[in-house]
């Protein structure tokens, strides 16, 4: 079983992925893979350096400078996605091949539906949380301003739309124990 896990920034995707891992799933985190795909001297890095040379500082990618560009302009964001996503998909597919027989594989993909990644998995799961809660989480975690967070939220599929597209939805609006129970219920259905 290959499943895609998504949710807006600050919704709790990572918490749900950690729970799925504790239940026995192999987790493929495409955010982490995306960082590898643009590591210094990688193909992705070199493509970004050609497209946005102003985002390279001392041989490193200035992620903040790149974010400022791509979250302010949808065309630039599409251009970046066209560079990074093929590398991410290739690495993710290779890592999925290491799953044990019968093991559930969860691909954590922030832009699951927006990029068509949902077509590469058997089932889709969305994690939702109230906007105010998401804002607080991201401010505490990343130190971003409310405006910067809202800009990122606007670049993602509206949670209501994602819930309609997903096979399963997990509400992350209560206690950790409630989240664990909800996640376990979805995981059990993936095993069927």
N, C-alpha and C. Protein backbone atom coordinates (compact mmCIF):
# COMPACT_ATOMS: atom_id res chain seq x y z
N UNK A 1 0.85 -1.18 0.00
CA UNK A 1 0.00 0.00 0.00
C UNK A 1 0.89 1.24 0.00
N UNK A 2 0.66 2.09 -0.96
CA UNK A 2 1.39 3.34 -1.08
C UNK A 2 0.38 4.47 -0.88
N UNK A 3 0.61 5.29 0.14
CA UNK A 3 -0.33 6.37 0.45
C UNK A 3 0.40 7.71 0.45
N UNK A 4 -0.33 8.75 0.08
CA UNK A 4 0.18 10.11 0.12
C UNK A 4 -0.46 10.84 1.28
N UNK A 5 0.36 11.49 2.10
CA UNK A 5 -0.10 12.25 3.26
C UNK A 5 0.19 13.72 3.01
N UNK A 6 -0.83 14.55 3.15
CA UNK A 6 -0.66 15.98 2.92
C UNK A 6 -1.42 16.76 3.97
N UNK A 7 -1.31 18.06 3.88
CA UNK A 7 -1.99 18.99 4.78
C UNK A 7 -1.29 20.33 4.65
N UNK A 8 -2.02 21.39 4.91
CA UNK A 8 -1.43 22.71 4.81
C UNK A 8 -0.32 22.92 5.83
N UNK A 9 0.47 23.95 5.62
CA UNK A 9 1.55 24.29 6.52
C UNK A 9 1.01 24.42 7.95
N UNK A 10 1.66 23.76 8.89
CA UNK A 10 1.25 23.82 10.29
C UNK A 10 0.08 22.94 10.67
N UNK A 11 -0.37 22.09 9.76
CA UNK A 11 -1.54 21.25 10.05
C UNK A 11 -1.21 20.05 10.93
N UNK A 12 0.03 19.63 10.92
CA UNK A 12 0.43 18.48 11.72
C UNK A 12 0.80 17.26 10.91
N UNK A 13 1.17 17.45 9.65
CA UNK A 13 1.60 16.31 8.81
C UNK A 13 2.71 15.52 9.47
N UNK A 14 3.68 16.21 10.00
CA UNK A 14 4.84 15.53 10.61
C UNK A 14 4.42 14.71 11.82
N UNK A 15 3.51 15.23 12.62
CA UNK A 15 3.03 14.48 13.79
C UNK A 15 2.31 13.21 13.35
N UNK A 16 1.48 13.31 12.32
CA UNK A 16 0.76 12.14 11.83
C UNK A 16 1.74 11.16 11.19
N UNK A 17 2.72 11.67 10.45
CA UNK A 17 3.73 10.78 9.85
C UNK A 17 4.48 10.03 10.93
N UNK A 18 4.82 10.71 12.02
CA UNK A 18 5.53 10.04 13.13
C UNK A 18 4.66 8.95 13.74
N UNK A 19 3.36 9.21 13.85
CA UNK A 19 2.46 8.18 14.37
C UNK A 19 2.40 6.99 13.41
N UNK A 20 2.25 7.25 12.12
CA UNK A 20 2.23 6.16 11.14
C UNK A 20 3.52 5.34 11.22
N UNK A 21 4.64 6.03 11.39
CA UNK A 21 5.92 5.33 11.54
C UNK A 21 5.88 4.41 12.76
N UNK A 22 5.33 4.92 13.87
CA UNK A 22 5.26 4.11 15.09
C UNK A 22 4.34 2.90 14.91
N UNK A 23 3.41 2.98 13.95
CA UNK A 23 2.52 1.85 13.67
C UNK A 23 3.17 0.84 12.72
N UNK A 24 4.31 1.21 12.12
CA UNK A 24 5.02 0.28 11.25
C UNK A 24 5.21 0.73 9.81
N UNK A 25 4.74 1.90 9.46
CA UNK A 25 4.86 2.38 8.08
C UNK A 25 6.28 2.86 7.78
N UNK A 26 6.65 2.75 6.51
CA UNK A 26 7.87 3.37 6.00
C UNK A 26 7.48 4.78 5.58
N UNK A 27 8.17 5.78 6.10
CA UNK A 27 7.85 7.18 5.80
C UNK A 27 8.86 7.73 4.80
N UNK A 28 8.34 8.30 3.73
CA UNK A 28 9.16 8.97 2.72
C UNK A 28 8.76 10.45 2.78
N UNK A 29 9.62 11.28 3.33
CA UNK A 29 9.32 12.71 3.54
C UNK A 29 9.88 13.50 2.36
N UNK A 30 8.99 13.98 1.50
CA UNK A 30 9.46 14.67 0.30
C UNK A 30 10.05 16.04 0.60
N UNK A 31 9.71 16.65 1.74
CA UNK A 31 10.37 17.90 2.13
C UNK A 31 11.86 17.66 2.37
N UNK A 32 12.16 16.58 3.07
CA UNK A 32 13.58 16.25 3.31
C UNK A 32 14.28 15.89 2.01
N UNK A 33 13.58 15.15 1.16
CA UNK A 33 14.16 14.78 -0.13
C UNK A 33 14.40 16.03 -0.97
N UNK A 34 13.47 16.99 -0.91
CA UNK A 34 13.63 18.24 -1.68
C UNK A 34 14.89 18.98 -1.25
N UNK A 35 15.20 18.93 0.03
CA UNK A 35 16.44 19.56 0.51
C UNK A 35 17.67 18.85 -0.09
N UNK A 36 17.61 17.52 -0.16
CA UNK A 36 18.70 16.76 -0.78
C UNK A 36 18.80 17.10 -2.26
N UNK A 37 17.65 17.25 -2.90
CA UNK A 37 17.62 17.49 -4.35
C UNK A 37 18.22 18.83 -4.74
N UNK A 38 18.34 19.75 -3.76
CA UNK A 38 18.92 21.06 -4.06
C UNK A 38 20.17 21.31 -3.21
N UNK A 39 20.77 20.22 -2.71
CA UNK A 39 22.02 20.34 -1.95
C UNK A 39 23.12 20.90 -2.86
N UNK A 40 24.11 21.58 -2.28
CA UNK A 40 25.18 22.15 -3.10
C UNK A 40 25.75 21.15 -4.10
N UNK A 41 25.88 21.62 -5.32
CA UNK A 41 26.44 20.87 -6.45
C UNK A 41 25.55 19.76 -7.00
N UNK A 42 24.35 19.60 -6.47
CA UNK A 42 23.42 18.63 -7.05
C UNK A 42 22.85 19.21 -8.35
N UNK A 43 22.23 18.36 -9.14
CA UNK A 43 21.61 18.83 -10.38
C UNK A 43 20.56 19.90 -10.10
N UNK A 44 19.74 19.68 -9.07
CA UNK A 44 18.70 20.65 -8.72
C UNK A 44 19.30 21.99 -8.32
N UNK A 45 20.36 21.94 -7.52
CA UNK A 45 21.05 23.16 -7.09
C UNK A 45 21.58 23.94 -8.28
N UNK A 46 22.23 23.22 -9.20
CA UNK A 46 22.81 23.89 -10.37
C UNK A 46 21.73 24.50 -11.25
N UNK A 47 20.58 23.83 -11.38
CA UNK A 47 19.47 24.40 -12.16
C UNK A 47 18.93 25.66 -11.48
N UNK A 48 18.80 25.64 -10.17
CA UNK A 48 18.33 26.82 -9.43
C UNK A 48 19.34 27.95 -9.56
N UNK A 49 20.62 27.63 -9.47
CA UNK A 49 21.67 28.65 -9.59
C UNK A 49 21.61 29.35 -10.95
N UNK A 50 21.26 28.58 -11.99
CA UNK A 50 21.12 29.20 -13.32
C UNK A 50 19.86 30.05 -13.40
N UNK A 51 18.77 29.58 -12.79
CA UNK A 51 17.49 30.29 -12.87
C UNK A 51 17.45 31.53 -11.99
N UNK A 52 18.02 31.42 -10.77
CA UNK A 52 17.99 32.52 -9.80
C UNK A 52 19.37 32.67 -9.15
N UNK A 53 20.34 33.18 -9.89
CA UNK A 53 21.70 33.27 -9.34
C UNK A 53 21.77 34.11 -8.06
N UNK A 54 20.84 35.02 -7.89
CA UNK A 54 20.84 35.88 -6.70
C UNK A 54 20.50 35.12 -5.41
N UNK A 55 20.07 33.85 -5.54
CA UNK A 55 19.72 33.06 -4.35
C UNK A 55 20.88 32.20 -3.87
N UNK A 56 22.03 32.30 -4.53
CA UNK A 56 23.20 31.51 -4.14
C UNK A 56 24.17 32.42 -3.40
N UNK A 57 24.51 32.03 -2.18
CA UNK A 57 25.41 32.81 -1.35
C UNK A 57 26.52 31.88 -0.82
N UNK A 58 27.75 32.18 -1.18
CA UNK A 58 28.90 31.38 -0.71
C UNK A 58 28.72 29.89 -1.00
N UNK A 59 28.22 29.58 -2.19
CA UNK A 59 28.07 28.20 -2.60
C UNK A 59 26.89 27.47 -1.98
N UNK A 60 26.04 28.19 -1.28
CA UNK A 60 24.86 27.60 -0.61
C UNK A 60 23.60 28.27 -1.15
N UNK A 61 22.51 27.54 -1.11
CA UNK A 61 21.22 28.09 -1.50
C UNK A 61 20.65 28.89 -0.34
N UNK A 62 20.32 30.15 -0.60
CA UNK A 62 19.65 30.99 0.39
C UNK A 62 18.16 30.71 0.24
N UNK A 63 17.66 29.79 1.07
CA UNK A 63 16.27 29.33 0.95
C UNK A 63 15.28 30.46 1.19
N UNK A 64 15.62 31.38 2.08
CA UNK A 64 14.74 32.52 2.35
C UNK A 64 14.60 33.42 1.13
N UNK A 65 15.72 33.68 0.46
CA UNK A 65 15.69 34.53 -0.74
C UNK A 65 14.88 33.85 -1.83
N UNK A 66 15.05 32.54 -1.98
CA UNK A 66 14.29 31.81 -2.99
C UNK A 66 12.80 31.81 -2.64
N UNK A 67 12.48 31.62 -1.36
CA UNK A 67 11.08 31.64 -0.91
C UNK A 67 10.45 32.99 -1.20
N UNK A 68 11.19 34.07 -0.96
CA UNK A 68 10.65 35.41 -1.23
C UNK A 68 10.26 35.55 -2.70
N UNK A 69 11.05 34.98 -3.58
CA UNK A 69 10.78 35.06 -5.02
C UNK A 69 9.58 34.20 -5.40
N UNK A 70 9.60 32.93 -4.99
CA UNK A 70 8.59 32.00 -5.49
C UNK A 70 7.23 32.14 -4.83
N UNK A 71 7.19 32.63 -3.58
CA UNK A 71 5.88 32.81 -2.96
C UNK A 71 5.24 34.13 -3.35
N UNK A 72 6.00 35.01 -3.98
CA UNK A 72 5.45 36.28 -4.46
C UNK A 72 4.97 36.18 -5.90
N UNK A 73 5.33 35.10 -6.61
CA UNK A 73 5.01 35.00 -8.03
C UNK A 73 4.71 33.55 -8.40
N UNK A 74 3.44 33.23 -8.68
CA UNK A 74 3.08 31.85 -9.01
C UNK A 74 3.86 31.28 -10.20
N UNK A 75 4.20 32.11 -11.17
CA UNK A 75 4.96 31.60 -12.32
C UNK A 75 6.36 31.16 -11.89
N UNK A 76 6.98 31.90 -10.98
CA UNK A 76 8.30 31.52 -10.49
C UNK A 76 8.21 30.25 -9.64
N UNK A 77 7.10 30.12 -8.89
CA UNK A 77 6.90 28.91 -8.08
C UNK A 77 6.74 27.69 -8.98
N UNK A 78 6.02 27.83 -10.08
CA UNK A 78 5.87 26.73 -11.03
C UNK A 78 7.22 26.37 -11.65
N UNK A 79 8.00 27.38 -11.93
CA UNK A 79 9.33 27.15 -12.49
C UNK A 79 10.20 26.35 -11.51
N UNK A 80 10.16 26.73 -10.23
CA UNK A 80 10.92 26.00 -9.21
C UNK A 80 10.40 24.57 -9.09
N UNK A 81 9.09 24.40 -9.06
CA UNK A 81 8.51 23.06 -8.95
C UNK A 81 8.94 22.18 -10.12
N UNK A 82 9.01 22.75 -11.31
CA UNK A 82 9.43 21.99 -12.50
C UNK A 82 10.88 21.53 -12.38
N UNK A 83 11.68 22.26 -11.63
CA UNK A 83 13.07 21.86 -11.42
C UNK A 83 13.16 20.79 -10.34
N UNK A 84 12.51 21.03 -9.20
CA UNK A 84 12.71 20.18 -8.02
C UNK A 84 11.91 18.89 -8.06
N UNK A 85 10.66 18.95 -8.49
CA UNK A 85 9.77 17.78 -8.36
C UNK A 85 10.24 16.52 -9.10
N UNK A 86 10.79 16.61 -10.30
CA UNK A 86 11.28 15.37 -10.93
C UNK A 86 12.38 14.68 -10.11
N UNK A 87 13.28 15.47 -9.51
CA UNK A 87 14.33 14.89 -8.67
C UNK A 87 13.71 14.23 -7.43
N UNK A 88 12.75 14.91 -6.81
CA UNK A 88 12.10 14.39 -5.61
C UNK A 88 11.38 13.08 -5.92
N UNK A 89 10.64 13.05 -7.02
CA UNK A 89 9.89 11.84 -7.37
C UNK A 89 10.82 10.65 -7.63
N UNK A 90 11.93 10.91 -8.30
CA UNK A 90 12.89 9.83 -8.59
C UNK A 90 13.46 9.26 -7.29
N UNK A 91 13.90 10.13 -6.39
CA UNK A 91 14.48 9.68 -5.12
C UNK A 91 13.42 8.98 -4.27
N UNK A 92 12.21 9.53 -4.23
CA UNK A 92 11.13 8.93 -3.42
C UNK A 92 10.78 7.54 -3.93
N UNK A 93 10.72 7.37 -5.24
CA UNK A 93 10.40 6.05 -5.81
C UNK A 93 11.48 5.04 -5.46
N UNK A 94 12.73 5.48 -5.51
CA UNK A 94 13.83 4.58 -5.17
C UNK A 94 13.74 4.16 -3.71
N UNK A 95 13.43 5.08 -2.83
CA UNK A 95 13.32 4.76 -1.40
C UNK A 95 12.12 3.87 -1.11
N UNK A 96 11.04 4.06 -1.83
CA UNK A 96 9.86 3.21 -1.65
C UNK A 96 10.16 1.76 -1.96
N UNK A 97 11.08 1.55 -2.87
CA UNK A 97 11.42 0.18 -3.27
C UNK A 97 12.07 -0.62 -2.14
N UNK A 98 12.46 0.06 -1.07
CA UNK A 98 13.09 -0.61 0.07
C UNK A 98 12.09 -1.06 1.13
N UNK A 99 10.80 -0.88 0.88
CA UNK A 99 9.78 -1.30 1.85
C UNK A 99 9.78 -2.81 2.01
N UNK A 100 9.49 -3.24 3.21
CA UNK A 100 9.36 -4.68 3.47
C UNK A 100 8.07 -5.17 2.82
N UNK A 101 7.98 -6.45 2.49
CA UNK A 101 6.75 -6.98 1.91
C UNK A 101 5.56 -6.71 2.83
N UNK A 102 4.51 -6.13 2.27
CA UNK A 102 3.30 -5.84 3.02
C UNK A 102 3.36 -4.57 3.86
N UNK A 103 4.50 -3.88 3.87
CA UNK A 103 4.63 -2.67 4.67
C UNK A 103 3.92 -1.50 3.98
N UNK A 104 3.18 -0.72 4.76
CA UNK A 104 2.55 0.49 4.25
C UNK A 104 3.65 1.53 4.05
N UNK A 105 3.61 2.19 2.90
CA UNK A 105 4.57 3.25 2.59
C UNK A 105 3.79 4.56 2.51
N UNK A 106 4.23 5.53 3.31
CA UNK A 106 3.56 6.83 3.36
C UNK A 106 4.50 7.88 2.78
N UNK A 107 4.07 8.51 1.71
CA UNK A 107 4.81 9.64 1.14
C UNK A 107 4.19 10.91 1.71
N UNK A 108 4.99 11.67 2.46
CA UNK A 108 4.54 12.94 3.02
C UNK A 108 4.84 14.01 1.97
N UNK A 109 3.76 14.60 1.41
CA UNK A 109 3.90 15.49 0.26
C UNK A 109 3.05 16.75 0.49
N UNK A 110 3.68 17.88 0.84
CA UNK A 110 2.91 19.09 1.09
C UNK A 110 2.01 19.50 -0.08
N UNK A 111 2.47 19.32 -1.30
CA UNK A 111 1.70 19.71 -2.49
C UNK A 111 1.22 18.46 -3.24
N UNK A 112 0.62 17.55 -2.52
CA UNK A 112 0.19 16.26 -3.08
C UNK A 112 -0.74 16.42 -4.27
N UNK A 113 -1.81 17.16 -4.11
CA UNK A 113 -2.80 17.32 -5.18
C UNK A 113 -2.37 18.38 -6.19
N UNK A 114 -1.70 19.43 -5.71
CA UNK A 114 -1.30 20.53 -6.58
C UNK A 114 -0.32 20.09 -7.66
N UNK A 115 0.48 19.07 -7.37
CA UNK A 115 1.53 18.64 -8.31
C UNK A 115 1.20 17.34 -9.04
N UNK A 116 0.03 16.77 -8.75
CA UNK A 116 -0.33 15.50 -9.39
C UNK A 116 0.30 14.29 -8.74
N UNK A 117 0.98 14.47 -7.62
CA UNK A 117 1.62 13.35 -6.92
C UNK A 117 0.57 12.35 -6.44
N UNK A 118 -0.65 12.82 -6.25
CA UNK A 118 -1.73 11.92 -5.81
C UNK A 118 -1.98 10.80 -6.81
N UNK A 119 -1.61 11.00 -8.06
CA UNK A 119 -1.78 9.97 -9.10
C UNK A 119 -0.75 8.84 -8.96
N UNK A 120 0.28 9.06 -8.14
CA UNK A 120 1.36 8.09 -7.97
C UNK A 120 1.14 7.17 -6.77
N UNK A 121 0.07 7.41 -6.00
CA UNK A 121 -0.18 6.64 -4.79
C UNK A 121 -1.54 5.96 -4.87
N UNK A 122 -1.73 4.95 -4.00
CA UNK A 122 -2.99 4.20 -3.98
C UNK A 122 -4.09 4.93 -3.20
N UNK A 123 -3.72 5.60 -2.11
CA UNK A 123 -4.67 6.30 -1.26
C UNK A 123 -4.09 7.64 -0.85
N UNK A 124 -4.97 8.58 -0.52
CA UNK A 124 -4.54 9.91 -0.10
C UNK A 124 -5.15 10.25 1.26
N UNK A 125 -4.37 10.95 2.06
CA UNK A 125 -4.76 11.34 3.41
C UNK A 125 -4.45 12.82 3.58
N UNK A 126 -5.39 13.57 4.12
CA UNK A 126 -5.14 14.98 4.41
C UNK A 126 -5.30 15.22 5.91
N UNK A 127 -4.38 16.01 6.46
CA UNK A 127 -4.44 16.42 7.86
C UNK A 127 -4.93 17.87 7.87
N UNK A 128 -5.92 18.13 8.71
CA UNK A 128 -6.46 19.50 8.81
C UNK A 128 -6.33 20.00 10.24
N UNK A 129 -6.30 21.32 10.36
CA UNK A 129 -6.27 21.98 11.67
C UNK A 129 -6.81 23.40 11.47
N UNK A 130 -7.37 23.98 12.51
CA UNK A 130 -7.85 25.36 12.40
C UNK A 130 -6.72 26.33 12.03
N UNK A 131 -7.05 27.33 11.24
CA UNK A 131 -6.05 28.29 10.74
C UNK A 131 -5.29 28.94 11.89
N UNK A 132 -5.98 29.38 12.94
CA UNK A 132 -5.30 30.05 14.05
C UNK A 132 -4.27 29.13 14.70
N UNK A 133 -4.62 27.87 14.83
CA UNK A 133 -3.70 26.89 15.41
C UNK A 133 -2.50 26.68 14.50
N UNK A 134 -2.74 26.62 13.20
CA UNK A 134 -1.66 26.45 12.23
C UNK A 134 -0.70 27.65 12.28
N UNK A 135 -1.27 28.85 12.33
CA UNK A 135 -0.44 30.05 12.41
C UNK A 135 0.47 30.01 13.64
N UNK A 136 -0.10 29.67 14.80
CA UNK A 136 0.69 29.60 16.04
C UNK A 136 1.81 28.57 15.92
N UNK A 137 1.49 27.42 15.37
CA UNK A 137 2.50 26.36 15.24
C UNK A 137 3.67 26.80 14.36
N UNK A 138 3.35 27.40 13.22
CA UNK A 138 4.41 27.78 12.28
C UNK A 138 5.22 28.96 12.82
N UNK A 139 4.54 29.92 13.48
CA UNK A 139 5.29 31.03 14.08
C UNK A 139 6.28 30.50 15.11
N UNK A 140 5.83 29.56 15.95
CA UNK A 140 6.70 29.00 16.99
C UNK A 140 7.82 28.15 16.39
N UNK A 141 7.49 27.38 15.35
CA UNK A 141 8.45 26.45 14.76
C UNK A 141 9.47 27.16 13.87
N UNK A 142 8.98 28.05 13.00
CA UNK A 142 9.84 28.64 11.97
C UNK A 142 10.19 30.10 12.19
N UNK A 143 9.49 30.75 13.11
CA UNK A 143 9.75 32.16 13.35
C UNK A 143 9.33 33.08 12.23
N UNK A 144 8.43 32.60 11.37
CA UNK A 144 7.95 33.42 10.25
C UNK A 144 6.89 34.39 10.74
N UNK A 145 6.74 35.49 10.02
CA UNK A 145 5.67 36.45 10.33
C UNK A 145 4.33 35.88 9.88
N UNK A 146 3.25 36.43 10.44
CA UNK A 146 1.91 35.99 10.04
C UNK A 146 1.71 36.20 8.54
N UNK A 147 2.21 37.31 8.00
CA UNK A 147 2.07 37.57 6.56
C UNK A 147 2.78 36.51 5.72
N UNK A 148 3.99 36.14 6.13
CA UNK A 148 4.75 35.13 5.39
C UNK A 148 4.05 33.78 5.45
N UNK A 149 3.48 33.45 6.60
CA UNK A 149 2.77 32.17 6.74
C UNK A 149 1.52 32.18 5.87
N UNK A 150 0.78 33.27 5.91
CA UNK A 150 -0.44 33.37 5.10
C UNK A 150 -0.13 33.30 3.61
N UNK A 151 1.02 33.84 3.21
CA UNK A 151 1.45 33.77 1.81
C UNK A 151 1.68 32.31 1.42
N UNK A 152 2.28 31.54 2.30
CA UNK A 152 2.52 30.12 2.05
C UNK A 152 1.21 29.34 2.03
N UNK A 153 0.32 29.69 2.96
CA UNK A 153 -0.98 29.03 2.99
C UNK A 153 -1.74 29.27 1.69
N UNK A 154 -1.66 30.48 1.18
CA UNK A 154 -2.37 30.83 -0.06
C UNK A 154 -1.83 30.06 -1.26
N UNK A 155 -0.57 29.61 -1.17
CA UNK A 155 0.05 28.86 -2.27
C UNK A 155 -0.38 27.39 -2.25
N UNK A 156 -1.04 26.98 -1.18
CA UNK A 156 -1.46 25.59 -1.05
C UNK A 156 -2.96 25.47 -1.30
N UNK A 157 -3.36 24.26 -1.61
CA UNK A 157 -4.77 23.95 -1.83
C UNK A 157 -5.56 24.24 -0.55
N UNK A 158 -6.72 24.83 -0.70
CA UNK A 158 -7.57 25.10 0.47
C UNK A 158 -7.90 23.77 1.16
N UNK A 159 -7.84 23.74 2.50
CA UNK A 159 -8.10 22.49 3.21
C UNK A 159 -9.45 21.86 2.87
N UNK A 160 -10.48 22.67 2.67
CA UNK A 160 -11.80 22.14 2.33
C UNK A 160 -11.75 21.37 1.01
N UNK A 161 -11.02 21.89 0.06
CA UNK A 161 -10.87 21.24 -1.24
C UNK A 161 -10.06 19.96 -1.10
N UNK A 162 -8.98 20.00 -0.31
CA UNK A 162 -8.15 18.82 -0.11
C UNK A 162 -8.95 17.70 0.55
N UNK A 163 -9.80 18.04 1.50
CA UNK A 163 -10.63 17.02 2.17
C UNK A 163 -11.54 16.34 1.15
N UNK A 164 -12.08 17.10 0.21
CA UNK A 164 -12.96 16.52 -0.81
C UNK A 164 -12.20 15.60 -1.76
N UNK A 165 -10.95 15.91 -2.01
CA UNK A 165 -10.14 15.11 -2.92
C UNK A 165 -9.53 13.86 -2.25
N UNK A 166 -9.32 13.93 -0.96
CA UNK A 166 -8.61 12.86 -0.24
C UNK A 166 -9.52 11.67 0.04
N UNK A 167 -8.89 10.51 0.16
CA UNK A 167 -9.61 9.31 0.57
C UNK A 167 -9.92 9.34 2.07
N UNK A 168 -8.99 9.92 2.85
CA UNK A 168 -9.16 10.00 4.30
C UNK A 168 -8.77 11.39 4.78
N UNK A 169 -9.44 11.86 5.83
CA UNK A 169 -9.09 13.13 6.47
C UNK A 169 -8.89 12.89 7.96
N UNK A 170 -7.86 13.51 8.49
CA UNK A 170 -7.56 13.42 9.92
C UNK A 170 -7.59 14.85 10.47
N UNK A 171 -8.49 15.11 11.41
CA UNK A 171 -8.58 16.43 12.04
C UNK A 171 -7.59 16.50 13.19
N UNK A 172 -6.71 17.47 13.15
CA UNK A 172 -5.71 17.68 14.20
C UNK A 172 -6.11 18.93 14.98
N UNK A 173 -7.22 18.81 15.68
CA UNK A 173 -7.75 19.97 16.42
C UNK A 173 -8.01 19.65 17.89
N UNK A 174 -7.44 18.54 18.36
CA UNK A 174 -7.65 18.15 19.75
C UNK A 174 -6.35 17.73 20.40
N UNK A 175 -6.44 16.76 21.27
CA UNK A 175 -5.26 16.28 22.00
C UNK A 175 -4.42 15.34 21.14
N UNK A 176 -3.20 15.09 21.61
CA UNK A 176 -2.33 14.15 20.92
C UNK A 176 -2.94 12.75 20.94
N UNK A 177 -3.61 12.41 22.02
CA UNK A 177 -4.26 11.10 22.12
C UNK A 177 -5.37 10.97 21.06
N UNK A 178 -6.14 12.04 20.86
CA UNK A 178 -7.18 12.02 19.83
C UNK A 178 -6.56 11.86 18.45
N UNK A 179 -5.45 12.56 18.22
CA UNK A 179 -4.75 12.47 16.94
C UNK A 179 -4.24 11.04 16.72
N UNK A 180 -3.73 10.44 17.77
CA UNK A 180 -3.24 9.07 17.68
C UNK A 180 -4.37 8.11 17.32
N UNK A 181 -5.51 8.26 17.96
CA UNK A 181 -6.66 7.39 17.68
C UNK A 181 -7.15 7.56 16.24
N UNK A 182 -7.25 8.80 15.80
CA UNK A 182 -7.70 9.07 14.42
C UNK A 182 -6.72 8.52 13.40
N UNK A 183 -5.45 8.71 13.67
CA UNK A 183 -4.41 8.23 12.76
C UNK A 183 -4.40 6.71 12.72
N UNK A 184 -4.56 6.08 13.88
CA UNK A 184 -4.58 4.62 13.94
C UNK A 184 -5.75 4.06 13.14
N UNK A 185 -6.92 4.72 13.23
CA UNK A 185 -8.09 4.27 12.49
C UNK A 185 -7.84 4.31 10.99
N UNK A 186 -7.19 5.37 10.51
CA UNK A 186 -6.86 5.47 9.08
C UNK A 186 -5.83 4.42 8.71
N UNK A 187 -4.82 4.25 9.54
CA UNK A 187 -3.77 3.27 9.26
C UNK A 187 -4.36 1.86 9.14
N UNK A 188 -5.28 1.52 10.02
CA UNK A 188 -5.92 0.19 9.97
C UNK A 188 -6.64 0.01 8.64
N UNK A 189 -7.25 1.07 8.14
CA UNK A 189 -7.95 0.97 6.84
C UNK A 189 -6.97 0.81 5.70
N UNK A 190 -5.77 1.35 5.84
CA UNK A 190 -4.76 1.18 4.78
C UNK A 190 -4.26 -0.25 4.72
N UNK A 191 -4.37 -0.97 5.81
CA UNK A 191 -3.90 -2.36 5.86
C UNK A 191 -4.86 -3.33 5.19
N UNK A 192 -6.07 -2.91 4.95
CA UNK A 192 -7.10 -3.81 4.39
C UNK A 192 -6.83 -4.05 2.90
